[in-house]
Amino acid sequence: VEGDSAGGSAKSARNRRTQAILPIRGKILNVEKATIDKVLANA
């Protein structure tokens, strides 16, 4: 999920036994135009 707000709602709404929530911040790196060292350095 994108952003803390959506991540917070999803964490509260989920089935904790089988559903994990992974929030990401904004748009991830465009890997089509990046070298692998930059890809691996992306948080």
PDB file of all heavy atoms in Angstrom:
ATOM      1  N   VAL A   1       0.845  -1.200   0.000  1.00  0.00           N
ATOM      2  CA  VAL A   1       0.000   0.000   0.000  1.00  0.00           C
ATOM      3  C   VAL A   1       0.876   1.243   0.000  1.00  0.00           C
ATOM      4  O   VAL A   1       1.999   1.232   0.512  1.00  0.00           O
ATOM      5  CB  VAL A   1      -0.959   0.023   1.209  1.00  0.00           C
ATOM      6  CG1 VAL A   1      -1.890  -1.165   1.173  1.00  0.00           C
ATOM      7  CG2 VAL A   1      -0.189   0.051   2.522  1.00  0.00           C
ATOM      8  N   GLU A   2       0.350   2.316  -0.576  1.00  0.00           N
ATOM      9  CA  GLU A   2       1.121   3.556  -0.687  1.00  0.00           C
ATOM     10  C   GLU A   2       0.708   4.527   0.404  1.00  0.00           C
ATOM     11  O   GLU A   2      -0.469   4.868   0.536  1.00  0.00           O
ATOM     12  CB  GLU A   2       0.877   4.175  -2.071  1.00  0.00           C
ATOM     13  CG  GLU A   2       1.828   5.320  -2.411  1.00  0.00           C
ATOM     14  CD  GLU A   2       1.352   6.672  -1.881  1.00  0.00           C
ATOM     15  OE1 GLU A   2       0.159   6.964  -1.988  1.00  0.00           O
ATOM     16  OE2 GLU A   2       2.203   7.422  -1.335  1.00  0.00           O
ATOM     17  N   GLY A   3       1.678   4.934   1.212  1.00  0.00           N
ATOM     18  CA  GLY A   3       1.434   5.989   2.195  1.00  0.00           C
ATOM     19  C   GLY A   3       1.049   5.475   3.568  1.00  0.00           C
ATOM     20  O   GLY A   3       0.522   4.378   3.736  1.00  0.00           O
ATOM     21  N   ASP A   4       1.316   6.315   4.585  1.00  0.00           N
ATOM     22  CA  ASP A   4       1.043   5.938   5.975  1.00  0.00           C
ATOM     23  C   ASP A   4      -0.445   5.890   6.275  1.00  0.00           C
ATOM     24  O   ASP A   4      -0.907   5.075   7.074  1.00  0.00           O
ATOM     25  CB  ASP A   4       1.734   6.925   6.926  1.00  0.00           C
ATOM     26  CG  ASP A   4       3.258   6.833   6.816  1.00  0.00           C
ATOM     27  OD1 ASP A   4       3.743   5.742   6.446  1.00  0.00           O
ATOM     28  OD2 ASP A   4       3.935   7.838   7.083  1.00  0.00           O
ATOM     29  N   SER A   5      -1.225   6.790   5.630  1.00  0.00           N
ATOM     30  CA  SER A   5      -2.656   6.848   5.911  1.00  0.00           C
ATOM     31  C   SER A   5      -3.344   5.561   5.476  1.00  0.00           C
ATOM     32  O   SER A   5      -4.065   4.931   6.264  1.00  0.00           O
ATOM     33  CB  SER A   5      -3.280   8.047   5.190  1.00  0.00           C
ATOM     34  OG  SER A   5      -4.671   8.084   5.395  1.00  0.00           O
ATOM     35  N   ALA A   6      -3.099   5.167   4.224  1.00  0.00           N
ATOM     36  CA  ALA A   6      -3.692   3.925   3.724  1.00  0.00           C
ATOM     37  C   ALA A   6      -3.133   2.727   4.477  1.00  0.00           C
ATOM     38  O   ALA A   6      -3.853   1.767   4.781  1.00  0.00           O
ATOM     39  CB  ALA A   6      -3.428   3.780   2.227  1.00  0.00           C
ATOM     40  N   GLY A   7      -1.832   2.780   4.790  1.00  0.00           N
ATOM     41  CA  GLY A   7      -1.221   1.690   5.538  1.00  0.00           C
ATOM     42  C   GLY A   7      -1.841   1.517   6.903  1.00  0.00           C
ATOM     43  O   GLY A   7      -2.080   0.398   7.362  1.00  0.00           O
ATOM     44  N   GLY A   8      -2.144   2.640   7.574  1.00  0.00           N
ATOM     45  CA  GLY A   8      -2.772   2.572   8.893  1.00  0.00           C
ATOM     46  C   GLY A   8      -4.151   1.955   8.824  1.00  0.00           C
ATOM     47  O   GLY A   8      -4.510   1.103   9.659  1.00  0.00           O
ATOM     48  N   SER A   9      -4.945   2.377   7.836  1.00  0.00           N
ATOM     49  CA  SER A   9      -6.289   1.808   7.671  1.00  0.00           C
ATOM     50  C   SER A   9      -6.217   0.317   7.377  1.00  0.00           C
ATOM     51  O   SER A   9      -6.988  -0.485   7.921  1.00  0.00           O
ATOM     52  CB  SER A   9      -7.033   2.516   6.543  1.00  0.00           C
ATOM     53  OG  SER A   9      -7.292   3.856   6.860  1.00  0.00           O
ATOM     54  N   ALA A  10      -5.270  -0.055   6.489  1.00  0.00           N
ATOM     55  CA  ALA A  10      -5.145  -1.462   6.104  1.00  0.00           C
ATOM     56  C   ALA A  10      -4.710  -2.323   7.287  1.00  0.00           C
ATOM     57  O   ALA A  10      -5.195  -3.447   7.467  1.00  0.00           O
ATOM     58  CB  ALA A  10      -4.152  -1.597   4.953  1.00  0.00           C
ATOM     59  N   LYS A  11      -3.799  -1.806   8.114  1.00  0.00           N
ATOM     60  CA  LYS A  11      -3.354  -2.569   9.287  1.00  0.00           C
ATOM     61  C   LYS A  11      -4.494  -2.807  10.266  1.00  0.00           C
ATOM     62  O   LYS A  11      -4.590  -3.866  10.890  1.00  0.00           O
ATOM     63  CB  LYS A  11      -2.206  -1.830   9.978  1.00  0.00           C
ATOM     64  CG  LYS A  11      -0.897  -1.861   9.203  1.00  0.00           C
ATOM     65  CD  LYS A  11       0.179  -1.019   9.897  1.00  0.00           C
ATOM     66  CE  LYS A  11       1.448  -0.958   9.061  1.00  0.00           C
ATOM     67  NZ  LYS A  11       2.487  -0.090   9.662  1.00  0.00           N
ATOM     68  N   SER A  12      -5.377  -1.817  10.394  1.00  0.00           N
ATOM     69  CA  SER A  12      -6.518  -1.962  11.305  1.00  0.00           C
ATOM     70  C   SER A  12      -7.575  -2.895  10.734  1.00  0.00           C
ATOM     71  O   SER A  12      -8.266  -3.584  11.480  1.00  0.00           O
ATOM     72  CB  SER A  12      -7.148  -0.589  11.580  1.00  0.00           C
ATOM     73  OG  SER A  12      -6.216   0.285  12.169  1.00  0.00           O
ATOM     74  N   ALA A  13      -7.702  -2.904   9.391  1.00  0.00           N
ATOM     75  CA  ALA A  13      -8.795  -3.651   8.765  1.00  0.00           C
ATOM     76  C   ALA A  13      -8.455  -5.114   8.499  1.00  0.00           C
ATOM     77  O   ALA A  13      -9.338  -5.951   8.401  1.00  0.00           O
ATOM     78  CB  ALA A  13      -9.168  -2.983   7.443  1.00  0.00           C
ATOM     79  N   ARG A  14      -7.213  -5.456   8.412  1.00  0.00           N
ATOM     80  CA  ARG A  14      -6.782  -6.768   7.924  1.00  0.00           C
ATOM     81  C   ARG A  14      -7.135  -7.909   8.871  1.00  0.00           C
ATOM     82  O   ARG A  14      -7.443  -7.712  10.050  1.00  0.00           O
ATOM     83  CB  ARG A  14      -5.264  -6.753   7.737  1.00  0.00           C
ATOM     84  CG  ARG A  14      -4.524  -6.629   9.072  1.00  0.00           C
ATOM     85  CD  ARG A  14      -3.021  -6.571   8.890  1.00  0.00           C
ATOM     86  NE  ARG A  14      -2.332  -6.288  10.131  1.00  0.00           N
ATOM     87  CZ  ARG A  14      -1.257  -6.942  10.561  1.00  0.00           C
ATOM     88  NH1 ARG A  14      -0.756  -7.923   9.840  1.00  0.00           N
ATOM     89  NH2 ARG A  14      -0.682  -6.598  11.687  1.00  0.00           N
ATOM     90  N   ASN A  15      -7.009  -9.116   8.337  1.00  0.00           N
ATOM     91  CA  ASN A  15      -7.020 -10.326   9.142  1.00  0.00           C
ATOM     92  C   ASN A  15      -5.572 -10.577   9.551  1.00  0.00           C
ATOM     93  O   ASN A  15      -4.745 -10.981   8.727  1.00  0.00           O
ATOM     94  CB  ASN A  15      -7.558 -11.497   8.311  1.00  0.00           C
ATOM     95  CG  ASN A  15      -7.514 -12.825   9.045  1.00  0.00           C
ATOM     96  OD1 ASN A  15      -6.816 -12.966  10.046  1.00  0.00           O
ATOM     97  ND2 ASN A  15      -8.257 -13.792   8.550  1.00  0.00           N
ATOM     98  N   ARG A  16      -5.251 -10.328  10.806  1.00  0.00           N
ATOM     99  CA  ARG A  16      -3.854 -10.377  11.253  1.00  0.00           C
ATOM    100  C   ARG A  16      -3.224 -11.759  11.090  1.00  0.00           C
ATOM    101  O   ARG A  16      -2.006 -11.881  11.011  1.00  0.00           O
ATOM    102  CB  ARG A  16      -3.746  -9.932  12.719  1.00  0.00           C
ATOM    103  CG  ARG A  16      -4.058  -8.460  12.913  1.00  0.00           C
ATOM    104  CD  ARG A  16      -4.052  -8.078  14.390  1.00  0.00           C
ATOM    105  NE  ARG A  16      -4.295  -6.649  14.532  1.00  0.00           N
ATOM    106  CZ  ARG A  16      -3.342  -5.733  14.548  1.00  0.00           C
ATOM    107  NH1 ARG A  16      -2.074  -6.104  14.418  1.00  0.00           N
ATOM    108  NH2 ARG A  16      -3.627  -4.457  14.677  1.00  0.00           N
ATOM    109  N   ARG A  17      -4.045 -12.793  11.067  1.00  0.00           N
ATOM    110  CA  ARG A  17      -3.479 -14.136  10.991  1.00  0.00           C
ATOM    111  C   ARG A  17      -2.862 -14.417   9.619  1.00  0.00           C
ATOM    112  O   ARG A  17      -1.797 -15.029   9.521  1.00  0.00           O
ATOM    113  CB  ARG A  17      -4.554 -15.182  11.290  1.00  0.00           C
ATOM    114  CG  ARG A  17      -3.965 -16.560  11.619  1.00  0.00           C
ATOM    115  CD  ARG A  17      -5.041 -17.559  11.919  1.00  0.00           C
ATOM    116  NE  ARG A  17      -5.716 -17.996  10.716  1.00  0.00           N
ATOM    117  CZ  ARG A  17      -5.223 -18.936   9.888  1.00  0.00           C
ATOM    118  NH1 ARG A  17      -4.055 -19.506  10.147  1.00  0.00           N
ATOM    119  NH2 ARG A  17      -5.881 -19.288   8.809  1.00  0.00           N
ATOM    120  N   THR A  18      -3.516 -13.951   8.532  1.00  0.00           N
ATOM    121  CA  THR A  18      -3.046 -14.325   7.198  1.00  0.00           C
ATOM    122  C   THR A  18      -2.665 -13.149   6.304  1.00  0.00           C
ATOM    123  O   THR A  18      -2.131 -13.364   5.215  1.00  0.00           O
ATOM    124  CB  THR A  18      -4.141 -15.134   6.461  1.00  0.00           C
ATOM    125  OG1 THR A  18      -5.317 -14.326   6.362  1.00  0.00           O
ATOM    126  CG2 THR A  18      -4.453 -16.426   7.192  1.00  0.00           C
ATOM    127  N   GLN A  19      -2.932 -11.912   6.737  1.00  0.00           N
ATOM    128  CA  GLN A  19      -2.697 -10.763   5.859  1.00  0.00           C
ATOM    129  C   GLN A  19      -1.621  -9.836   6.428  1.00  0.00           C
ATOM    130  O   GLN A  19      -1.742  -9.341   7.545  1.00  0.00           O
ATOM    131  CB  GLN A  19      -4.003  -9.989   5.660  1.00  0.00           C
ATOM    132  CG  GLN A  19      -5.046 -10.778   4.882  1.00  0.00           C
ATOM    133  CD  GLN A  19      -6.341 -10.027   4.696  1.00  0.00           C
ATOM    134  OE1 GLN A  19      -6.741  -9.218   5.538  1.00  0.00           O
ATOM    135  NE2 GLN A  19      -7.026 -10.285   3.585  1.00  0.00           N
ATOM    136  N   ALA A  20      -0.567  -9.625   5.640  1.00  0.00           N
ATOM    137  CA  ALA A  20       0.511  -8.701   5.998  1.00  0.00           C
ATOM    138  C   ALA A  20       0.330  -7.401   5.220  1.00  0.00           C
ATOM    139  O   ALA A  20      -0.199  -7.405   4.105  1.00  0.00           O
ATOM    140  CB  ALA A  20       1.866  -9.321   5.694  1.00  0.00           C
ATOM    141  N   ILE A  21       0.775  -6.309   5.786  1.00  0.00           N
ATOM    142  CA  ILE A  21       0.679  -5.002   5.142  1.00  0.00           C
ATOM    143  C   ILE A  21       2.075  -4.417   5.001  1.00  0.00           C
ATOM    144  O   ILE A  21       2.821  -4.320   5.986  1.00  0.00           O
ATOM    145  CB  ILE A  21      -0.212  -4.027   5.939  1.00  0.00           C
ATOM    146  CG1 ILE A  21      -1.576  -4.645   6.238  1.00  0.00           C
ATOM    147  CG2 ILE A  21      -0.350  -2.705   5.199  1.00  0.00           C
ATOM    148  CD1 ILE A  21      -2.413  -4.957   5.013  1.00  0.00           C
ATOM    149  N   LEU A  22       2.435  -4.034   3.772  1.00  0.00           N
ATOM    150  CA  LEU A  22       3.746  -3.433   3.522  1.00  0.00           C
ATOM    151  C   LEU A  22       3.546  -2.037   2.927  1.00  0.00           C
ATOM    152  O   LEU A  22       3.300  -1.900   1.721  1.00  0.00           O
ATOM    153  CB  LEU A  22       4.555  -4.306   2.562  1.00  0.00           C
ATOM    154  CG  LEU A  22       5.932  -3.771   2.145  1.00  0.00           C
ATOM    155  CD1 LEU A  22       6.820  -3.560   3.368  1.00  0.00           C
ATOM    156  CD2 LEU A  22       6.605  -4.710   1.154  1.00  0.00           C
ATOM    157  N   PRO A  23       3.620  -0.988   3.733  1.00  0.00           N
ATOM    158  CA  PRO A  23       3.489   0.372   3.193  1.00  0.00           C
ATOM    159  C   PRO A  23       4.771   0.791   2.471  1.00  0.00           C
ATOM    160  O   PRO A  23       5.880   0.458   2.897  1.00  0.00           O
ATOM    161  CB  PRO A  23       3.272   1.237   4.442  1.00  0.00           C
ATOM    162  CG  PRO A  23       3.055   0.280   5.576  1.00  0.00           C
ATOM    163  CD  PRO A  23       3.743  -0.979   5.195  1.00  0.00           C
ATOM    164  N   ILE A  24       4.603   1.479   1.349  1.00  0.00           N
ATOM    165  CA  ILE A  24       5.746   2.079   0.670  1.00  0.00           C
ATOM    166  C   ILE A  24       5.509   3.577   0.588  1.00  0.00           C
ATOM    167  O   ILE A  24       4.367   4.042   0.624  1.00  0.00           O
ATOM    168  CB  ILE A  24       5.968   1.484  -0.737  1.00  0.00           C
ATOM    169  CG1 ILE A  24       4.738   1.703  -1.621  1.00  0.00           C
ATOM    170  CG2 ILE A  24       6.332   0.023  -0.649  1.00  0.00           C
ATOM    171  CD1 ILE A  24       4.945   1.295  -3.053  1.00  0.00           C
ATOM    172  N   ARG A  25       6.566   4.321   0.486  1.00  0.00           N
ATOM    173  CA  ARG A  25       6.472   5.778   0.504  1.00  0.00           C
ATOM    174  C   ARG A  25       6.615   6.319  -0.913  1.00  0.00           C
ATOM    175  O   ARG A  25       7.690   6.264  -1.513  1.00  0.00           O
ATOM    176  CB  ARG A  25       7.546   6.364   1.410  1.00  0.00           C
ATOM    177  CG  ARG A  25       7.404   7.859   1.634  1.00  0.00           C
ATOM    178  CD  ARG A  25       8.324   8.310   2.746  1.00  0.00           C
ATOM    179  NE  ARG A  25       7.977   7.673   4.024  1.00  0.00           N
ATOM    180  CZ  ARG A  25       8.712   7.788   5.126  1.00  0.00           C
ATOM    181  NH1 ARG A  25       9.832   8.499   5.099  1.00  0.00           N
ATOM    182  NH2 ARG A  25       8.334   7.196   6.238  1.00  0.00           N
ATOM    183  N   GLY A  26       5.515   6.821  -1.473  1.00  0.00           N
ATOM    184  CA  GLY A  26       5.558   7.447  -2.788  1.00  0.00           C
ATOM    185  C   GLY A  26       5.837   6.451  -3.899  1.00  0.00           C
ATOM    186  O   GLY A  26       5.629   5.252  -3.768  1.00  0.00           O
ATOM    187  N   LYS A  27       6.332   6.955  -5.006  1.00  0.00           N
ATOM    188  CA  LYS A  27       6.597   6.139  -6.186  1.00  0.00           C
ATOM    189  C   LYS A  27       7.983   5.506  -6.067  1.00  0.00           C
ATOM    190  O   LYS A  27       8.974   6.195  -5.821  1.00  0.00           O
ATOM    191  CB  LYS A  27       6.515   6.995  -7.459  1.00  0.00           C
ATOM    192  CG  LYS A  27       5.132   7.598  -7.709  1.00  0.00           C
ATOM    193  CD  LYS A  27       5.149   8.435  -8.979  1.00  0.00           C
ATOM    194  CE  LYS A  27       3.755   8.954  -9.299  1.00  0.00           C
ATOM    195  NZ  LYS A  27       3.290   9.963  -8.358  1.00  0.00           N
ATOM    196  N   ILE A  28       8.060   4.188  -6.279  1.00  0.00           N
ATOM    197  CA  ILE A  28       9.356   3.521  -6.193  1.00  0.00           C
ATOM    198  C   ILE A  28      10.191   3.891  -7.413  1.00  0.00           C
ATOM    199  O   ILE A  28       9.710   4.476  -8.381  1.00  0.00           O
ATOM    200  CB  ILE A  28       9.212   1.988  -6.086  1.00  0.00           C
ATOM    201  CG1 ILE A  28       8.750   1.387  -7.431  1.00  0.00           C
ATOM    202  CG2 ILE A  28       8.289   1.590  -4.975  1.00  0.00           C
ATOM    203  CD1 ILE A  28       9.012  -0.092  -7.549  1.00  0.00           C
ATOM    204  N   LEU A  29      11.451   3.498  -7.367  1.00  0.00           N
ATOM    205  CA  LEU A  29      12.384   3.785  -8.452  1.00  0.00           C
ATOM    206  C   LEU A  29      11.915   3.149  -9.758  1.00  0.00           C
ATOM    207  O   LEU A  29      11.398   2.025  -9.771  1.00  0.00           O
ATOM    208  CB  LEU A  29      13.761   3.220  -8.076  1.00  0.00           C
ATOM    209  CG  LEU A  29      14.914   3.440  -9.049  1.00  0.00           C
ATOM    210  CD1 LEU A  29      15.314   4.913  -9.062  1.00  0.00           C
ATOM    211  CD2 LEU A  29      16.104   2.574  -8.645  1.00  0.00           C
ATOM    212  N   ASN A  30      12.073   3.873 -10.867  1.00  0.00           N
ATOM    213  CA  ASN A  30      11.795   3.323 -12.193  1.00  0.00           C
ATOM    214  C   ASN A  30      12.965   2.436 -12.595  1.00  0.00           C
ATOM    215  O   ASN A  30      13.992   2.909 -13.074  1.00  0.00           O
ATOM    216  CB  ASN A  30      11.598   4.453 -13.196  1.00  0.00           C
ATOM    217  CG  ASN A  30      11.334   3.946 -14.611  1.00  0.00           C
ATOM    218  OD1 ASN A  30      11.313   2.746 -14.858  1.00  0.00           O
ATOM    219  ND2 ASN A  30      11.145   4.864 -15.541  1.00  0.00           N
ATOM    220  N   VAL A  31      12.823   1.119 -12.411  1.00  0.00           N
ATOM    221  CA  VAL A  31      13.948   0.208 -12.629  1.00  0.00           C
ATOM    222  C   VAL A  31      14.287   0.055 -14.109  1.00  0.00           C
ATOM    223  O   VAL A  31      15.349  -0.450 -14.457  1.00  0.00           O
ATOM    224  CB  VAL A  31      13.662  -1.182 -12.014  1.00  0.00           C
ATOM    225  CG1 VAL A  31      13.424  -1.058 -10.528  1.00  0.00           C
ATOM    226  CG2 VAL A  31      12.482  -1.863 -12.693  1.00  0.00           C
ATOM    227  N   GLU A  32      13.386   0.479 -15.004  1.00  0.00           N
ATOM    228  CA  GLU A  32      13.656   0.368 -16.437  1.00  0.00           C
ATOM    229  C   GLU A  32      14.810   1.272 -16.853  1.00  0.00           C
ATOM    230  O   GLU A  32      15.488   1.016 -17.845  1.00  0.00           O
ATOM    231  CB  GLU A  32      12.391   0.730 -17.227  1.00  0.00           C
ATOM    232  CG  GLU A  32      12.467   0.444 -18.708  1.00  0.00           C
ATOM    233  CD  GLU A  32      12.453  -1.037 -19.040  1.00  0.00           C
ATOM    234  OE1 GLU A  32      12.113  -1.835 -18.152  1.00  0.00           O
ATOM    235  OE2 GLU A  32      12.800  -1.380 -20.171  1.00  0.00           O
ATOM    236  N   LYS A  33      15.046   2.320 -16.078  1.00  0.00           N
ATOM    237  CA  LYS A  33      16.086   3.283 -16.464  1.00  0.00           C
ATOM    238  C   LYS A  33      17.220   3.356 -15.437  1.00  0.00           C
ATOM    239  O   LYS A  33      18.032   4.252 -15.503  1.00  0.00           O
ATOM    240  CB  LYS A  33      15.455   4.670 -16.636  1.00  0.00           C
ATOM    241  CG  LYS A  33      14.429   4.762 -17.748  1.00  0.00           C
ATOM    242  CD  LYS A  33      14.039   6.179 -18.086  1.00  0.00           C
ATOM    243  CE  LYS A  33      13.238   6.836 -16.987  1.00  0.00           C
ATOM    244  NZ  LYS A  33      12.723   8.171 -17.380  1.00  0.00           N
ATOM    245  N   ALA A  34      17.257   2.416 -14.478  1.00  0.00           N
ATOM    246  CA  ALA A  34      18.253   2.492 -13.403  1.00  0.00           C
ATOM    247  C   ALA A  34      19.202   1.298 -13.452  1.00  0.00           C
ATOM    248  O   ALA A  34      18.815   0.198 -13.851  1.00  0.00           O
ATOM    249  CB  ALA A  34      17.554   2.545 -12.049  1.00  0.00           C
ATOM    250  N   THR A  35      20.451   1.517 -13.039  1.00  0.00           N
ATOM    251  CA  THR A  35      21.408   0.418 -12.934  1.00  0.00           C
ATOM    252  C   THR A  35      21.112  -0.360 -11.657  1.00  0.00           C
ATOM    253  O   THR A  35      20.479   0.137 -10.726  1.00  0.00           O
ATOM    254  CB  THR A  35      22.848   0.953 -12.884  1.00  0.00           C
ATOM    255  OG1 THR A  35      22.966   1.878 -11.794  1.00  0.00           O
ATOM    256  CG2 THR A  35      23.207   1.647 -14.192  1.00  0.00           C
ATOM    257  N   ILE A  36      21.644  -1.585 -11.600  1.00  0.00           N
ATOM    258  CA  ILE A  36      21.272  -2.465 -10.500  1.00  0.00           C
ATOM    259  C   ILE A  36      21.768  -1.962  -9.143  1.00  0.00           C
ATOM    260  O   ILE A  36      21.136  -2.191  -8.116  1.00  0.00           O
ATOM    261  CB  ILE A  36      21.769  -3.912 -10.763  1.00  0.00           C
ATOM    262  CG1 ILE A  36      21.071  -4.885  -9.820  1.00  0.00           C
ATOM    263  CG2 ILE A  36      23.266  -3.996 -10.655  1.00  0.00           C
ATOM    264  CD1 ILE A  36      21.321  -6.337 -10.144  1.00  0.00           C
ATOM    265  N   ASP A  37      22.891  -1.245  -9.134  1.00  0.00           N
ATOM    266  CA  ASP A  37      23.366  -0.738  -7.846  1.00  0.00           C
ATOM    267  C   ASP A  37      22.398   0.307  -7.286  1.00  0.00           C
ATOM    268  O   ASP A  37      22.154   0.366  -6.082  1.00  0.00           O
ATOM    269  CB  ASP A  37      24.792  -0.174  -7.959  1.00  0.00           C
ATOM    270  CG  ASP A  37      24.916   0.871  -9.055  1.00  0.00           C
ATOM    271  OD1 ASP A  37      24.154   0.804 -10.030  1.00  0.00           O
ATOM    272  OD2 ASP A  37      25.780   1.754  -8.929  1.00  0.00           O
ATOM    273  N   LYS A  38      21.813   1.120  -8.187  1.00  0.00           N
ATOM    274  CA  LYS A  38      20.816   2.092  -7.730  1.00  0.00           C
ATOM    275  C   LYS A  38      19.532   1.391  -7.300  1.00  0.00           C
ATOM    276  O   LYS A  38      18.870   1.802  -6.351  1.00  0.00           O
ATOM    277  CB  LYS A  38      20.520   3.106  -8.835  1.00  0.00           C
ATOM    278  CG  LYS A  38      21.665   4.064  -9.104  1.00  0.00           C
ATOM    279  CD  LYS A  38      21.290   5.098 -10.158  1.00  0.00           C
ATOM    280  CE  LYS A  38      22.449   6.065 -10.400  1.00  0.00           C
ATOM    281  NZ  LYS A  38      22.114   7.055 -11.467  1.00  0.00           N
ATOM    282  N   VAL A  39      19.187   0.327  -8.013  1.00  0.00           N
ATOM    283  CA  VAL A  39      17.992  -0.436  -7.645  1.00  0.00           C
ATOM    284  C   VAL A  39      18.144  -1.000  -6.232  1.00  0.00           C
ATOM    285  O   VAL A  39      17.262  -0.892  -5.391  1.00  0.00           O
ATOM    286  CB  VAL A  39      17.736  -1.575  -8.658  1.00  0.00           C
ATOM    287  CG1 VAL A  39      16.637  -2.503  -8.168  1.00  0.00           C
ATOM    288  CG2 VAL A  39      17.373  -1.000 -10.021  1.00  0.00           C
ATOM    289  N   LEU A  40      19.317  -1.604  -5.981  1.00  0.00           N
ATOM    290  CA  LEU A  40      19.537  -2.239  -4.684  1.00  0.00           C
ATOM    291  C   LEU A  40      19.717  -1.232  -3.554  1.00  0.00           C
ATOM    292  O   LEU A  40      19.587  -1.570  -2.385  1.00  0.00           O
ATOM    293  CB  LEU A  40      20.765  -3.151  -4.754  1.00  0.00           C
ATOM    294  CG  LEU A  40      20.560  -4.434  -5.568  1.00  0.00           C
ATOM    295  CD1 LEU A  40      21.872  -5.165  -5.720  1.00  0.00           C
ATOM    296  CD2 LEU A  40      19.527  -5.317  -4.913  1.00  0.00           C
ATOM    297  N   ALA A  41      20.034   0.006  -3.914  1.00  0.00           N
ATOM    298  CA  ALA A  41      20.189   1.038  -2.882  1.00  0.00           C
ATOM    299  C   ALA A  41      18.855   1.680  -2.520  1.00  0.00           C
ATOM    300  O   ALA A  41      18.770   2.419  -1.539  1.00  0.00           O
ATOM    301  CB  ALA A  41      21.161   2.119  -3.370  1.00  0.00           C
ATOM    302  N   ASN A  42      17.800   1.389  -3.288  1.00  0.00           N
ATOM    303  CA  ASN A  42      16.495   1.982  -3.037  1.00  0.00           C
ATOM    304  C   ASN A  42      15.835   1.321  -1.839  1.00  0.00           C
ATOM    305  O   ASN A  42      15.653   0.099  -1.802  1.00  0.00           O
ATOM    306  CB  ASN A  42      15.619   1.825  -4.287  1.00  0.00           C
ATOM    307  CG  ASN A  42      14.265   2.477  -4.116  1.00  0.00           C
ATOM    308  OD1 ASN A  42      13.320   1.831  -3.681  1.00  0.00           O
ATOM    309  ND2 ASN A  42      14.160   3.751  -4.452  1.00  0.00           N
ATOM    310  N   ALA A  43      15.466   2.120  -0.842  1.00  0.00           N
ATOM    311  CA  ALA A  43      14.939   1.591   0.416  1.00  0.00           C
ATOM    312  C   ALA A  43      13.666   0.775   0.212  1.00  0.00           C
ATOM    313  O   ALA A  43      13.490  -0.297   0.809  1.00  0.00           O
ATOM    314  CB  ALA A  43      14.680   2.735   1.393  1.00  0.00           C
TER     315      ALA A  43
END
